[in-house]
């Protein structure tokens, strides 16, 4: 491979930038479909913030200026994924009809948290 060729990851499941972006997109799709009331509005706000932050901070980590900066950003990814799990649980309680959709997203948030936790511990 020459220097100007970039390897393309054909298995996007293991591409964390893509995976975290898809997670944020699915959260946005979910929250757009939810009823808006005094309970769901703050939950939606928090859920969107932490869920989309996972991918944003992963991009920041990917461009980290140092090993310490990388570890810090991965730590934020880990925390935001864990926070997303919490707010997905609260959303399932607030809007029971979306429990199945939130369960799938909760599982993805858990997997992302475990991935980032593993990366963090190895640094």
PDB file of N, CA and C in Angstrom:
ATOM      1  N   UNK A   1       0.847  -1.175   0.000  1.00  0.00           N
ATOM      2  CA  UNK A   1       0.000   0.000   0.000  1.00  0.00           C
ATOM      3  C   UNK A   1       0.892   1.238   0.000  1.00  0.00           C
ATOM      4  N   UNK A   2       0.590   2.187  -0.859  1.00  0.00           N
ATOM      5  CA  UNK A   2       1.359   3.425  -0.909  1.00  0.00           C
ATOM      6  C   UNK A   2       0.848   4.391   0.150  1.00  0.00           C
ATOM      7  N   UNK A   3       1.601   5.446   0.406  1.00  0.00           N
ATOM      8  CA  UNK A   3       1.238   6.410   1.443  1.00  0.00           C
ATOM      9  C   UNK A   3      -0.069   7.131   1.174  1.00  0.00           C
ATOM     10  N   UNK A   4      -0.454   7.265  -0.094  1.00  0.00           N
ATOM     11  CA  UNK A   4      -1.672   7.998  -0.394  1.00  0.00           C
ATOM     12  C   UNK A   4      -2.917   7.112  -0.410  1.00  0.00           C
ATOM     13  N   UNK A   5      -2.752   5.828  -0.147  1.00  0.00           N
ATOM     14  CA  UNK A   5      -3.912   4.943  -0.069  1.00  0.00           C
ATOM     15  C   UNK A   5      -4.354   4.828   1.382  1.00  0.00           C
ATOM     16  N   UNK A   6      -5.639   5.012   1.607  1.00  0.00           N
ATOM     17  CA  UNK A   6      -6.195   4.900   2.948  1.00  0.00           C
ATOM     18  C   UNK A   6      -6.950   3.587   3.039  1.00  0.00           C
ATOM     19  N   UNK A   7      -6.616   2.740   4.030  1.00  0.00           N
ATOM     20  CA  UNK A   7      -7.362   1.492   4.166  1.00  0.00           C
ATOM     21  C   UNK A   7      -8.805   1.782   4.565  1.00  0.00           C
ATOM     22  N   UNK A   8      -9.720   1.094   3.955  1.00  0.00           N
ATOM     23  CA  UNK A   8     -11.137   1.284   4.236  1.00  0.00           C
ATOM     24  C   UNK A   8     -11.627   0.104   5.057  1.00  0.00           C
ATOM     25  N   UNK A   9     -12.227   0.420   6.187  1.00  0.00           N
ATOM     26  CA  UNK A   9     -12.773  -0.609   7.058  1.00  0.00           C
ATOM     27  C   UNK A   9     -14.128  -1.026   6.493  1.00  0.00           C
ATOM     28  N   UNK A  10     -14.181  -2.186   5.885  1.00  0.00           N
ATOM     29  CA  UNK A  10     -15.421  -2.654   5.271  1.00  0.00           C
ATOM     30  C   UNK A  10     -16.427  -3.118   6.319  1.00  0.00           C
ATOM     31  N   UNK A  11     -15.954  -3.477   7.510  1.00  0.00           N
ATOM     32  CA  UNK A  11     -16.844  -3.900   8.574  1.00  0.00           C
ATOM     33  C   UNK A  11     -17.108  -2.706   9.482  1.00  0.00           C
ATOM     34  N   UNK A  12     -18.139  -1.938   9.170  1.00  0.00           N
ATOM     35  CA  UNK A  12     -18.434  -0.691   9.871  1.00  0.00           C
ATOM     36  C   UNK A  12     -18.844  -0.914  11.330  1.00  0.00           C
ATOM     37  N   UNK A  13     -19.192  -2.149  11.719  1.00  0.00           N
ATOM     38  CA  UNK A  13     -19.555  -2.440  13.100  1.00  0.00           C
ATOM     39  C   UNK A  13     -18.391  -2.121  14.037  1.00  0.00           C
ATOM     40  N   UNK A  14     -17.158  -2.294  13.552  1.00  0.00           N
ATOM     41  CA  UNK A  14     -15.993  -2.075  14.384  1.00  0.00           C
ATOM     42  C   UNK A  14     -15.393  -0.685  14.190  1.00  0.00           C
ATOM     43  N   UNK A  15     -16.034   0.154  13.404  1.00  0.00           N
ATOM     44  CA  UNK A  15     -15.619   1.528  13.194  1.00  0.00           C
ATOM     45  C   UNK A  15     -16.319   2.370  14.263  1.00  0.00           C
ATOM     46  N   UNK A  16     -15.605   2.733  15.312  1.00  0.00           N
ATOM     47  CA  UNK A  16     -16.240   3.427  16.436  1.00  0.00           C
ATOM     48  C   UNK A  16     -16.785   4.799  16.065  1.00  0.00           C
ATOM     49  N   UNK A  17     -16.135   5.476  15.146  1.00  0.00           N
ATOM     50  CA  UNK A  17     -16.665   6.779  14.730  1.00  0.00           C
ATOM     51  C   UNK A  17     -18.044   6.608  14.095  1.00  0.00           C
ATOM     52  N   UNK A  18     -18.162   5.634  13.221  1.00  0.00           N
ATOM     53  CA  UNK A  18     -19.442   5.366  12.568  1.00  0.00           C
ATOM     54  C   UNK A  18     -20.466   4.840  13.579  1.00  0.00           C
ATOM     55  N   UNK A  19     -20.029   3.937  14.415  1.00  0.00           N
ATOM     56  CA  UNK A  19     -20.948   3.318  15.386  1.00  0.00           C
ATOM     57  C   UNK A  19     -21.498   4.353  16.365  1.00  0.00           C
ATOM     58  N   UNK A  20     -20.652   5.252  16.861  1.00  0.00           N
ATOM     59  CA  UNK A  20     -21.127   6.262  17.795  1.00  0.00           C
ATOM     60  C   UNK A  20     -22.030   7.286  17.095  1.00  0.00           C
ATOM     61  N   UNK A  21     -21.742   7.577  15.833  1.00  0.00           N
ATOM     62  CA  UNK A  21     -22.605   8.486  15.069  1.00  0.00           C
ATOM     63  C   UNK A  21     -23.983   7.862  14.861  1.00  0.00           C
ATOM     64  N   UNK A  22     -24.014   6.585  14.507  1.00  0.00           N
ATOM     65  CA  UNK A  22     -25.298   5.881  14.318  1.00  0.00           C
ATOM     66  C   UNK A  22     -26.092   5.861  15.616  1.00  0.00           C
ATOM     67  N   UNK A  23     -25.402   5.660  16.731  1.00  0.00           N
ATOM     68  CA  UNK A  23     -26.072   5.661  18.029  1.00  0.00           C
ATOM     69  C   UNK A  23     -26.750   7.013  18.268  1.00  0.00           C
ATOM     70  N   UNK A  24     -26.028   8.095  18.049  1.00  0.00           N
ATOM     71  CA  UNK A  24     -26.606   9.429  18.204  1.00  0.00           C
ATOM     72  C   UNK A  24     -27.787   9.659  17.272  1.00  0.00           C
ATOM     73  N   UNK A  25     -27.652   9.198  16.026  1.00  0.00           N
ATOM     74  CA  UNK A  25     -28.740   9.353  15.047  1.00  0.00           C
ATOM     75  C   UNK A  25     -29.994   8.591  15.485  1.00  0.00           C
ATOM     76  N   UNK A  26     -29.811   7.395  15.993  1.00  0.00           N
ATOM     77  CA  UNK A  26     -30.966   6.597  16.445  1.00  0.00           C
ATOM     78  C   UNK A  26     -31.640   7.241  17.649  1.00  0.00           C
ATOM     79  N   UNK A  27     -30.855   7.854  18.511  1.00  0.00           N
ATOM     80  CA  UNK A  27     -31.430   8.568  19.658  1.00  0.00           C
ATOM     81  C   UNK A  27     -32.248   9.761  19.169  1.00  0.00           C
ATOM     82  N   UNK A  28     -31.712  10.497  18.195  1.00  0.00           N
ATOM     83  CA  UNK A  28     -32.441  11.638  17.638  1.00  0.00           C
ATOM     84  C   UNK A  28     -33.757  11.169  17.022  1.00  0.00           C
ATOM     85  N   UNK A  29     -33.716  10.080  16.257  1.00  0.00           N
ATOM     86  CA  UNK A  29     -34.948   9.537  15.664  1.00  0.00           C
ATOM     87  C   UNK A  29     -35.957   9.173  16.742  1.00  0.00           C
ATOM     88  N   UNK A  30     -35.487   8.506  17.789  1.00  0.00           N
ATOM     89  CA  UNK A  30     -36.387   8.128  18.884  1.00  0.00           C
ATOM     90  C   UNK A  30     -37.010   9.362  19.514  1.00  0.00           C
ATOM     91  N   UNK A  31     -36.188  10.330  19.880  1.00  0.00           N
ATOM     92  CA  UNK A  31     -36.701  11.480  20.622  1.00  0.00           C
ATOM     93  C   UNK A  31     -37.641  12.350  19.781  1.00  0.00           C
ATOM     94  N   UNK A  32     -37.452  12.375  18.483  1.00  0.00           N
ATOM     95  CA  UNK A  32     -38.370  13.131  17.623  1.00  0.00           C
ATOM     96  C   UNK A  32     -39.775  12.547  17.649  1.00  0.00           C
ATOM     97  N   UNK A  33     -39.864  11.243  17.920  1.00  0.00           N
ATOM     98  CA  UNK A  33     -41.168  10.569  17.901  1.00  0.00           C
ATOM     99  C   UNK A  33     -41.870  10.578  19.265  1.00  0.00           C
ATOM    100  N   UNK A  34     -41.198  11.083  20.283  1.00  0.00           N
ATOM    101  CA  UNK A  34     -41.769  11.033  21.633  1.00  0.00           C
ATOM    102  C   UNK A  34     -42.741  12.174  21.899  1.00  0.00           C
ATOM    103  N   UNK A  35     -43.722  11.931  22.767  1.00  0.00           N
ATOM    104  CA  UNK A  35     -44.609  13.028  23.169  1.00  0.00           C
ATOM    105  C   UNK A  35     -43.804  14.034  24.000  1.00  0.00           C
ATOM    106  N   UNK A  36     -44.141  15.299  23.851  1.00  0.00           N
ATOM    107  CA  UNK A  36     -43.426  16.346  24.577  1.00  0.00           C
ATOM    108  C   UNK A  36     -44.325  16.864  25.706  1.00  0.00           C
ATOM    109  N   UNK A  37     -43.898  16.650  26.951  1.00  0.00           N
ATOM    110  CA  UNK A  37     -44.613  17.169  28.114  1.00  0.00           C
ATOM    111  C   UNK A  37     -43.602  17.550  29.182  1.00  0.00           C
ATOM    112  N   UNK A  38     -44.078  17.942  30.364  1.00  0.00           N
ATOM    113  CA  UNK A  38     -43.174  18.430  31.419  1.00  0.00           C
ATOM    114  C   UNK A  38     -42.204  17.363  31.920  1.00  0.00           C
ATOM    115  N   UNK A  39     -42.518  16.104  31.731  1.00  0.00           N
ATOM    116  CA  UNK A  39     -41.621  15.023  32.147  1.00  0.00           C
ATOM    117  C   UNK A  39     -40.647  14.671  31.030  1.00  0.00           C
ATOM    118  N   UNK A  40     -41.151  14.509  29.829  1.00  0.00           N
ATOM    119  CA  UNK A  40     -40.287  14.042  28.739  1.00  0.00           C
ATOM    120  C   UNK A  40     -39.336  15.113  28.206  1.00  0.00           C
ATOM    121  N   UNK A  41     -39.728  16.376  28.231  1.00  0.00           N
ATOM    122  CA  UNK A  41     -38.855  17.423  27.674  1.00  0.00           C
ATOM    123  C   UNK A  41     -37.462  17.433  28.307  1.00  0.00           C
ATOM    124  N   UNK A  42     -37.341  17.466  29.646  1.00  0.00           N
ATOM    125  CA  UNK A  42     -35.979  17.449  30.205  1.00  0.00           C
ATOM    126  C   UNK A  42     -35.253  16.123  29.968  1.00  0.00           C
ATOM    127  N   UNK A  43     -35.988  15.021  29.943  1.00  0.00           N
ATOM    128  CA  UNK A  43     -35.364  13.729  29.663  1.00  0.00           C
ATOM    129  C   UNK A  43     -34.837  13.680  28.235  1.00  0.00           C
ATOM    130  N   UNK A  44     -35.639  14.174  27.304  1.00  0.00           N
ATOM    131  CA  UNK A  44     -35.223  14.222  25.897  1.00  0.00           C
ATOM    132  C   UNK A  44     -33.961  15.067  25.757  1.00  0.00           C
ATOM    133  N   UNK A  45     -33.971  16.232  26.375  1.00  0.00           N
ATOM    134  CA  UNK A  45     -32.824  17.141  26.302  1.00  0.00           C
ATOM    135  C   UNK A  45     -31.548  16.447  26.800  1.00  0.00           C
ATOM    136  N   UNK A  46     -31.622  15.841  27.958  1.00  0.00           N
ATOM    137  CA  UNK A  46     -30.460  15.170  28.541  1.00  0.00           C
ATOM    138  C   UNK A  46     -30.022  13.970  27.701  1.00  0.00           C
ATOM    139  N   UNK A  47     -30.991  13.203  27.221  1.00  0.00           N
ATOM    140  CA  UNK A  47     -30.693  12.015  26.429  1.00  0.00           C
ATOM    141  C   UNK A  47     -29.989  12.378  25.127  1.00  0.00           C
ATOM    142  N   UNK A  48     -30.475  13.394  24.453  1.00  0.00           N
ATOM    143  CA  UNK A  48     -29.846  13.821  23.202  1.00  0.00           C
ATOM    144  C   UNK A  48     -28.440  14.340  23.469  1.00  0.00           C
ATOM    145  N   UNK A  49     -28.279  15.136  24.519  1.00  0.00           N
ATOM    146  CA  UNK A  49     -26.957  15.690  24.826  1.00  0.00           C
ATOM    147  C   UNK A  49     -25.923  14.599  25.091  1.00  0.00           C
ATOM    148  N   UNK A  50     -26.236  13.680  25.992  1.00  0.00           N
ATOM    149  CA  UNK A  50     -25.222  12.677  26.353  1.00  0.00           C
ATOM    150  C   UNK A  50     -25.001  11.678  25.220  1.00  0.00           C
ATOM    151  N   UNK A  51     -26.049  11.316  24.517  1.00  0.00           N
ATOM    152  CA  UNK A  51     -25.914  10.309  23.457  1.00  0.00           C
ATOM    153  C   UNK A  51     -25.123  10.821  22.263  1.00  0.00           C
ATOM    154  N   UNK A  52     -25.354  12.057  21.879  1.00  0.00           N
ATOM    155  CA  UNK A  52     -24.602  12.609  20.753  1.00  0.00           C
ATOM    156  C   UNK A  52     -23.189  12.999  21.181  1.00  0.00           C
ATOM    157  N   UNK A  53     -23.011  13.236  22.464  1.00  0.00           N
ATOM    158  CA  UNK A  53     -21.690  13.570  22.994  1.00  0.00           C
ATOM    159  C   UNK A  53     -20.719  12.396  22.918  1.00  0.00           C
ATOM    160  N   UNK A  54     -21.235  11.179  22.957  1.00  0.00           N
ATOM    161  CA  UNK A  54     -20.364  10.003  22.862  1.00  0.00           C
ATOM    162  C   UNK A  54     -19.544  10.076  21.575  1.00  0.00           C
ATOM    163  N   UNK A  55     -20.212  10.272  20.460  1.00  0.00           N
ATOM    164  CA  UNK A  55     -19.530  10.341  19.165  1.00  0.00           C
ATOM    165  C   UNK A  55     -18.651  11.570  19.021  1.00  0.00           C
ATOM    166  N   UNK A  56     -19.133  12.698  19.513  1.00  0.00           N
ATOM    167  CA  UNK A  56     -18.351  13.933  19.419  1.00  0.00           C
ATOM    168  C   UNK A  56     -17.040  13.797  20.194  1.00  0.00           C
ATOM    169  N   UNK A  57     -17.123  13.222  21.375  1.00  0.00           N
ATOM    170  CA  UNK A  57     -15.904  13.049  22.174  1.00  0.00           C
ATOM    171  C   UNK A  57     -15.002  11.967  21.609  1.00  0.00           C
ATOM    172  N   UNK A  58     -15.584  10.974  20.953  1.00  0.00           N
ATOM    173  CA  UNK A  58     -14.730   9.984  20.298  1.00  0.00           C
ATOM    174  C   UNK A  58     -13.934  10.649  19.176  1.00  0.00           C
ATOM    175  N   UNK A  59     -14.581  11.510  18.409  1.00  0.00           N
ATOM    176  CA  UNK A  59     -13.862  12.245  17.354  1.00  0.00           C
ATOM    177  C   UNK A  59     -12.751  13.095  17.964  1.00  0.00           C
ATOM    178  N   UNK A  60     -13.037  13.733  19.092  1.00  0.00           N
ATOM    179  CA  UNK A  60     -12.014  14.511  19.791  1.00  0.00           C
ATOM    180  C   UNK A  60     -10.860  13.611  20.222  1.00  0.00           C
ATOM    181  N   UNK A  61     -11.177  12.438  20.754  1.00  0.00           N
ATOM    182  CA  UNK A  61     -10.136  11.498  21.191  1.00  0.00           C
ATOM    183  C   UNK A  61      -9.289  11.057  20.011  1.00  0.00           C
ATOM    184  N   UNK A  62      -9.943  10.820  18.895  1.00  0.00           N
ATOM    185  CA  UNK A  62      -9.244  10.369  17.703  1.00  0.00           C
ATOM    186  C   UNK A  62      -8.221  11.402  17.225  1.00  0.00           C
ATOM    187  N   UNK A  63      -8.466  12.661  17.524  1.00  0.00           N
ATOM    188  CA  UNK A  63      -7.552  13.748  17.156  1.00  0.00           C
ATOM    189  C   UNK A  63      -6.802  14.299  18.374  1.00  0.00           C
ATOM    190  N   UNK A  64      -6.670  13.495  19.390  1.00  0.00           N
ATOM    191  CA  UNK A  64      -6.040  13.952  20.631  1.00  0.00           C
ATOM    192  C   UNK A  64      -4.609  14.431  20.386  1.00  0.00           C
ATOM    193  N   UNK A  65      -4.202  15.384  21.191  1.00  0.00           N
ATOM    194  CA  UNK A  65      -2.876  15.968  21.071  1.00  0.00           C
ATOM    195  C   UNK A  65      -1.827  15.208  21.870  1.00  0.00           C
ATOM    196  N   UNK A  66      -2.273  14.363  22.782  1.00  0.00           N
ATOM    197  CA  UNK A  66      -1.349  13.584  23.602  1.00  0.00           C
ATOM    198  C   UNK A  66      -2.061  12.337  24.118  1.00  0.00           C
ATOM    199  N   UNK A  67      -1.286  11.440  24.686  1.00  0.00           N
ATOM    200  CA  UNK A  67      -1.861  10.232  25.287  1.00  0.00           C
ATOM    201  C   UNK A  67      -2.800  10.603  26.444  1.00  0.00           C
ATOM    202  N   UNK A  68      -2.397  11.586  27.229  1.00  0.00           N
ATOM    203  CA  UNK A  68      -3.209  12.050  28.355  1.00  0.00           C
ATOM    204  C   UNK A  68      -4.531  12.630  27.854  1.00  0.00           C
ATOM    205  N   UNK A  69      -4.469  13.426  26.799  1.00  0.00           N
ATOM    206  CA  UNK A  69      -5.677  14.013  26.197  1.00  0.00           C
ATOM    207  C   UNK A  69      -6.580  12.909  25.659  1.00  0.00           C
ATOM    208  N   UNK A  70      -5.985  11.902  24.998  1.00  0.00           N
ATOM    209  CA  UNK A  70      -6.752  10.774  24.469  1.00  0.00           C
ATOM    210  C   UNK A  70      -7.486  10.052  25.596  1.00  0.00           C
ATOM    211  N   UNK A  71      -6.772   9.756  26.675  1.00  0.00           N
ATOM    212  CA  UNK A  71      -7.383   9.050  27.803  1.00  0.00           C
ATOM    213  C   UNK A  71      -8.525   9.865  28.402  1.00  0.00           C
ATOM    214  N   UNK A  72      -8.319  11.166  28.529  1.00  0.00           N
ATOM    215  CA  UNK A  72      -9.361  12.041  29.075  1.00  0.00           C
ATOM    216  C   UNK A  72     -10.628  11.996  28.210  1.00  0.00           C
ATOM    217  N   UNK A  73     -10.466  12.102  26.897  1.00  0.00           N
ATOM    218  CA  UNK A  73     -11.616  12.106  25.989  1.00  0.00           C
ATOM    219  C   UNK A  73     -12.322  10.740  25.973  1.00  0.00           C
ATOM    220  N   UNK A  74     -11.551   9.666  26.033  1.00  0.00           N
ATOM    221  CA  UNK A  74     -12.150   8.326  26.094  1.00  0.00           C
ATOM    222  C   UNK A  74     -12.927   8.171  27.401  1.00  0.00           C
ATOM    223  N   UNK A  75     -12.402   8.747  28.475  1.00  0.00           N
ATOM    224  CA  UNK A  75     -13.109   8.731  29.756  1.00  0.00           C
ATOM    225  C   UNK A  75     -14.448   9.441  29.661  1.00  0.00           C
ATOM    226  N   UNK A  76     -14.484  10.538  28.923  1.00  0.00           N
ATOM    227  CA  UNK A  76     -15.750  11.250  28.721  1.00  0.00           C
ATOM    228  C   UNK A  76     -16.708  10.394  27.902  1.00  0.00           C
ATOM    229  N   UNK A  77     -16.214   9.730  26.862  1.00  0.00           N
ATOM    230  CA  UNK A  77     -17.061   8.828  26.058  1.00  0.00           C
ATOM    231  C   UNK A  77     -17.702   7.778  26.955  1.00  0.00           C
ATOM    232  N   UNK A  78     -16.898   7.205  27.811  1.00  0.00           N
ATOM    233  CA  UNK A  78     -17.354   6.166  28.740  1.00  0.00           C
ATOM    234  C   UNK A  78     -18.464   6.706  29.649  1.00  0.00           C
ATOM    235  N   UNK A  79     -18.257   7.881  30.218  1.00  0.00           N
ATOM    236  CA  UNK A  79     -19.241   8.484  31.118  1.00  0.00           C
ATOM    237  C   UNK A  79     -20.535   8.847  30.387  1.00  0.00           C
ATOM    238  N   UNK A  80     -20.401   9.397  29.194  1.00  0.00           N
ATOM    239  CA  UNK A  80     -21.584   9.804  28.434  1.00  0.00           C
ATOM    240  C   UNK A  80     -22.420   8.588  28.014  1.00  0.00           C
ATOM    241  N   UNK A  81     -21.760   7.499  27.649  1.00  0.00           N
ATOM    242  CA  UNK A  81     -22.490   6.280  27.289  1.00  0.00           C
ATOM    243  C   UNK A  81     -23.249   5.740  28.507  1.00  0.00           C
ATOM    244  N   UNK A  82     -22.604   5.812  29.661  1.00  0.00           N
ATOM    245  CA  UNK A  82     -23.264   5.349  30.887  1.00  0.00           C
ATOM    246  C   UNK A  82     -24.454   6.248  31.227  1.00  0.00           C
ATOM    247  N   UNK A  83     -24.289   7.540  31.039  1.00  0.00           N
ATOM    248  CA  UNK A  83     -25.387   8.478  31.280  1.00  0.00           C
ATOM    249  C   UNK A  83     -26.542   8.205  30.317  1.00  0.00           C
ATOM    250  N   UNK A  84     -26.230   7.874  29.084  1.00  0.00           N
ATOM    251  CA  UNK A  84     -27.273   7.549  28.099  1.00  0.00           C
ATOM    252  C   UNK A  84     -28.086   6.347  28.568  1.00  0.00           C
ATOM    253  N   UNK A  85     -27.413   5.352  29.124  1.00  0.00           N
ATOM    254  CA  UNK A  85     -28.131   4.189  29.671  1.00  0.00           C
ATOM    255  C   UNK A  85     -29.143   4.640  30.718  1.00  0.00           C
ATOM    256  N   UNK A  86     -28.733   5.526  31.584  1.00  0.00           N
ATOM    257  CA  UNK A  86     -29.628   6.021  32.637  1.00  0.00           C
ATOM    258  C   UNK A  86     -30.858   6.713  32.047  1.00  0.00           C
ATOM    259  N   UNK A  87     -30.623   7.632  31.116  1.00  0.00           N
ATOM    260  CA  UNK A  87     -31.748   8.383  30.564  1.00  0.00           C
ATOM    261  C   UNK A  87     -32.641   7.523  29.670  1.00  0.00           C
ATOM    262  N   UNK A  88     -32.088   6.512  29.042  1.00  0.00           N
ATOM    263  CA  UNK A  88     -32.937   5.575  28.286  1.00  0.00           C
ATOM    264  C   UNK A  88     -33.846   4.810  29.246  1.00  0.00           C
ATOM    265  N   UNK A  89     -33.321   4.430  30.384  1.00  0.00           N
ATOM    266  CA  UNK A  89     -34.141   3.754  31.396  1.00  0.00           C
ATOM    267  C   UNK A  89     -35.264   4.675  31.879  1.00  0.00           C
ATOM    268  N   UNK A  90     -34.936   5.937  32.129  1.00  0.00           N
ATOM    269  CA  UNK A  90     -35.946   6.897  32.578  1.00  0.00           C
ATOM    270  C   UNK A  90     -36.999   7.129  31.496  1.00  0.00           C
ATOM    271  N   UNK A  91     -36.554   7.154  30.233  1.00  0.00           N
ATOM    272  CA  UNK A  91     -37.497   7.365  29.137  1.00  0.00           C
ATOM    273  C   UNK A  91     -38.462   6.191  29.014  1.00  0.00           C
ATOM    274  N   UNK A  92     -37.965   4.996  29.218  1.00  0.00           N
ATOM    275  CA  UNK A  92     -38.835   3.815  29.165  1.00  0.00           C
ATOM    276  C   UNK A  92     -39.892   3.890  30.258  1.00  0.00           C
ATOM    277  N   UNK A  93     -39.544   4.434  31.385  1.00  0.00           N
ATOM    278  CA  UNK A  93     -40.504   4.586  32.486  1.00  0.00           C
ATOM    279  C   UNK A  93     -41.504   5.695  32.177  1.00  0.00           C
ATOM    280  N   UNK A  94     -41.014   6.788  31.595  1.00  0.00           N
ATOM    281  CA  UNK A  94     -41.876   7.931  31.293  1.00  0.00           C
ATOM    282  C   UNK A  94     -42.819   7.663  30.125  1.00  0.00           C
ATOM    283  N   UNK A  95     -42.354   6.876  29.153  1.00  0.00           N
ATOM    284  CA  UNK A  95     -43.148   6.580  27.947  1.00  0.00           C
ATOM    285  C   UNK A  95     -43.088   5.060  27.715  1.00  0.00           C
ATOM    286  N   UNK A  96     -43.894   4.295  28.451  1.00  0.00           N
ATOM    287  CA  UNK A  96     -43.806   2.828  28.384  1.00  0.00           C
ATOM    288  C   UNK A  96     -43.957   2.227  26.983  1.00  0.00           C
ATOM    289  N   UNK A  97     -44.642   2.891  26.102  1.00  0.00           N
ATOM    290  CA  UNK A  97     -44.839   2.345  24.755  1.00  0.00           C
ATOM    291  C   UNK A  97     -43.551   2.304  23.922  1.00  0.00           C
ATOM    292  N   UNK A  98     -42.494   2.955  24.372  1.00  0.00           N
ATOM    293  CA  UNK A  98     -41.219   2.902  23.643  1.00  0.00           C
ATOM    294  C   UNK A  98     -40.185   2.020  24.350  1.00  0.00           C
ATOM    295  N   UNK A  99     -40.650   1.235  25.302  1.00  0.00           N
ATOM    296  CA  UNK A  99     -39.729   0.403  26.086  1.00  0.00           C
ATOM    297  C   UNK A  99     -38.871  -0.503  25.206  1.00  0.00           C
ATOM    298  N   UNK A 100     -39.457  -1.132  24.215  1.00  0.00           N
ATOM    299  CA  UNK A 100     -38.682  -2.040  23.362  1.00  0.00           C
ATOM    300  C   UNK A 100     -37.619  -1.280  22.571  1.00  0.00           C
ATOM    301  N   UNK A 101     -37.976  -0.124  22.039  1.00  0.00           N
ATOM    302  CA  UNK A 101     -36.990   0.683  21.303  1.00  0.00           C
ATOM    303  C   UNK A 101     -35.873   1.164  22.228  1.00  0.00           C
ATOM    304  N   UNK A 102     -36.238   1.577  23.428  1.00  0.00           N
ATOM    305  CA  UNK A 102     -35.216   2.058  24.356  1.00  0.00           C
ATOM    306  C   UNK A 102     -34.332   0.905  24.828  1.00  0.00           C
ATOM    307  N   UNK A 103     -34.881  -0.280  24.939  1.00  0.00           N
ATOM    308  CA  UNK A 103     -34.087  -1.439  25.377  1.00  0.00           C
ATOM    309  C   UNK A 103     -32.952  -1.719  24.393  1.00  0.00           C
ATOM    310  N   UNK A 104     -33.255  -1.644  23.103  1.00  0.00           N
ATOM    311  CA  UNK A 104     -32.219  -1.873  22.081  1.00  0.00           C
ATOM    312  C   UNK A 104     -31.135  -0.795  22.149  1.00  0.00           C
ATOM    313  N   UNK A 105     -31.554   0.439  22.330  1.00  0.00           N
ATOM    314  CA  UNK A 105     -30.589   1.537  22.425  1.00  0.00           C
ATOM    315  C   UNK A 105     -29.800   1.450  23.732  1.00  0.00           C
ATOM    316  N   UNK A 106     -30.454   1.004  24.801  1.00  0.00           N
ATOM    317  CA  UNK A 106     -29.768   0.813  26.078  1.00  0.00           C
ATOM    318  C   UNK A 106     -28.659  -0.221  25.923  1.00  0.00           C
ATOM    319  N   UNK A 107     -28.953  -1.297  25.192  1.00  0.00           N
ATOM    320  CA  UNK A 107     -27.947  -2.330  24.957  1.00  0.00           C
ATOM    321  C   UNK A 107     -26.755  -1.764  24.191  1.00  0.00           C
ATOM    322  N   UNK A 108     -27.018  -0.942  23.195  1.00  0.00           N
ATOM    323  CA  UNK A 108     -25.931  -0.313  22.439  1.00  0.00           C
ATOM    324  C   UNK A 108     -25.131   0.626  23.334  1.00  0.00           C
ATOM    325  N   UNK A 109     -25.805   1.407  24.175  1.00  0.00           N
ATOM    326  CA  UNK A 109     -25.102   2.298  25.102  1.00  0.00           C
ATOM    327  C   UNK A 109     -24.235   1.485  26.060  1.00  0.00           C
ATOM    328  N   UNK A 110     -24.745   0.363  26.506  1.00  0.00           N
ATOM    329  CA  UNK A 110     -23.971  -0.504  27.408  1.00  0.00           C
ATOM    330  C   UNK A 110     -22.728  -1.036  26.702  1.00  0.00           C
ATOM    331  N   UNK A 111     -22.901  -1.507  25.462  1.00  0.00           N
ATOM    332  CA  UNK A 111     -21.759  -2.018  24.709  1.00  0.00           C
ATOM    333  C   UNK A 111     -20.714  -0.926  24.473  1.00  0.00           C
ATOM    334  N   UNK A 112     -21.162   0.264  24.126  1.00  0.00           N
ATOM    335  CA  UNK A 112     -20.226   1.377  23.924  1.00  0.00           C
ATOM    336  C   UNK A 112     -19.498   1.705  25.227  1.00  0.00           C
ATOM    337  N   UNK A 113     -20.226   1.719  26.332  1.00  0.00           N
ATOM    338  CA  UNK A 113     -19.607   1.966  27.629  1.00  0.00           C
ATOM    339  C   UNK A 113     -18.536   0.927  27.930  1.00  0.00           C
ATOM    340  N   UNK A 114     -18.833  -0.327  27.663  1.00  0.00           N
ATOM    341  CA  UNK A 114     -17.858  -1.395  27.911  1.00  0.00           C
ATOM    342  C   UNK A 114     -16.630  -1.266  27.013  1.00  0.00           C
ATOM    343  N   UNK A 115     -16.842  -0.907  25.761  1.00  0.00           N
ATOM    344  CA  UNK A 115     -15.726  -0.712  24.823  1.00  0.00           C
ATOM    345  C   UNK A 115     -14.828   0.418  25.314  1.00  0.00           C
ATOM    346  N   UNK A 116     -15.437   1.560  25.646  1.00  0.00           N
ATOM    347  CA  UNK A 116     -14.635   2.690  26.085  1.00  0.00           C
ATOM    348  C   UNK A 116     -13.977   2.434  27.433  1.00  0.00           C
ATOM    349  N   UNK A 117     -14.652   1.691  28.289  1.00  0.00           N
ATOM    350  CA  UNK A 117     -14.063   1.324  29.576  1.00  0.00           C
ATOM    351  C   UNK A 117     -12.827   0.450  29.361  1.00  0.00           C
ATOM    352  N   UNK A 118     -12.914  -0.467  28.428  1.00  0.00           N
ATOM    353  CA  UNK A 118     -11.784  -1.343  28.118  1.00  0.00           C
ATOM    354  C   UNK A 118     -10.605  -0.540  27.564  1.00  0.00           C
ATOM    355  N   UNK A 119     -10.888   0.365  26.649  1.00  0.00           N
ATOM    356  CA  UNK A 119      -9.833   1.218  26.088  1.00  0.00           C
ATOM    357  C   UNK A 119      -9.200   2.054  27.203  1.00  0.00           C
ATOM    358  N   UNK A 120     -10.032   2.644  28.035  1.00  0.00           N
ATOM    359  CA  UNK A 120      -9.556   3.511  29.118  1.00  0.00           C
ATOM    360  C   UNK A 120      -8.629   2.759  30.069  1.00  0.00           C
ATOM    361  N   UNK A 121      -9.013   1.544  30.432  1.00  0.00           N
ATOM    362  CA  UNK A 121      -8.226   0.756  31.376  1.00  0.00           C
ATOM    363  C   UNK A 121      -6.879   0.335  30.805  1.00  0.00           C
ATOM    364  N   UNK A 122      -6.792   0.223  29.484  1.00  0.00           N
ATOM    365  CA  UNK A 122      -5.540  -0.204  28.848  1.00  0.00           C
ATOM    366  C   UNK A 122      -4.537   0.938  28.704  1.00  0.00           C
ATOM    367  N   UNK A 123      -4.998   2.146  28.947  1.00  0.00           N
ATOM    368  CA  UNK A 123      -4.107   3.309  28.769  1.00  0.00           C
ATOM    369  C   UNK A 123      -3.325   3.621  30.035  1.00  0.00           C
TER     370      UNK A 123
END
